[in-house]
Amino acid sequence: MSLFASKSSGFNYCNCTALERQLDPAGYAGHFDDAVVFEQPLPWPRGVFMDDGPVPQRIRDLMARWLAHYKATGNYTHRPLVVVPDPEYSRDGYRLVSFYTRPTGLMTHFDKKVYQIPTELLGDLVWAFFEDQDSLPNFENYRVYQLDKVRDLMVCTHGTVDAACAKFGYPLYKMLKAKYANANTRVWRVCHFGGHVFAPTLCDMPSGHYWAYVEAQQAEQIVLHTGDVSALRRHYRGWAGVTSGLMQAAERELWQHYGWDWFNYRKHGEILAQDGADEPSWAEVRFVFEDAQQHTHTYDARVEVSHSIETPPISGSDEVYAYPQYQVVKLEKVHLQVSS
């Protein structure tokens, strides 16, 4: 049975309305240069990282520093997340912490480092990783190297942010955990990472792919990287490896062209030109990538905002937000001349 078939007719879930209005999720993935994901027992308030939140003070101080930098510069390159401890993964008195960082140059996924740290040292470790890396050797005994290559499927179930994430995200989490969790893939309940209008939504790390409206059929394809990718076209929010919705829309087109192999190609995207608005309505973008034979390819694309769809961004609300919808109007392979 479809998760969406069980919706209550007496309550306006934002994701159900978005689906009815055919909101395309392309271009609505988060993007970041680094991320920290750590275990934090429930309950989670809406502002789990805020002053009255349950996370250690040193982490809240770090979040405040990042927020101040954002307000001063408009630049925010971090992604802090918490996950629910799991009896199969967790250890009493300790917290698992995963750090993800963007590698330089062409990339397929984020670099990952995992620690299992005593609970009382959690804040010190996270602070050290971002603000005092000279002290990181003090935490070396807590590294768990064998987990660096493990895949993390994180499903948003943060109901205090939006009811849709709890109602639709939790059943997806349970299904994924029962069917697909193994030694190489872990499944987590994660806090809000944006886009509850696309619930059930999940983030696949360390690859950095974001997905929308995920049910059992899509979950199988996403986890196993199998089947016709065109069936997932309107379930793909984008890749955190590029920094704008316009580029994410172009990246989707290349995935649709190359299929699942695309996710294994080392690649880099950049904006060549765009309009000067705060929220650009068009961009010329370029992707450079290496295929399985290490041959380098370059594609240029023009992406435009074709229209907007007005739909409630919050469950239970009648207020709407106009979501820009992205269209790739040109995508062509280019042959760059190499100067001698």
Foldseek 3Di string as FASTA:
>chain_A
DALLVPDDPVWFALQNQCVVLPPFLFFVAAAAQKEKEKEDADDAALCCLDPPHDADPLSNVVVVVQVVVCVVPVDHHYYYKYWHDDPVPADPQWMKMKMWGCDPDFDLFTFIWIFTGGRVCVSVQVCCVVPNVVCNVVRVVGTDVVCRQAKEKEWECNPNNAVLSVSQRVVVQVVCQVPPDDPRYDYTHMHDPDDSSFPRKIAIPRRQWIWGSDDDVVVVCVRVQDDQCVVRLRGTNAGNQDHGSQVRNVLSVVCNVPGSQSSVKGKHKDWPDFDDDPRTFKTWMKMWTAGPVRDIWMKIWIKGQPFWDWTCRHMRDPHTDTHTDMDTPDIDTDDDDDDD
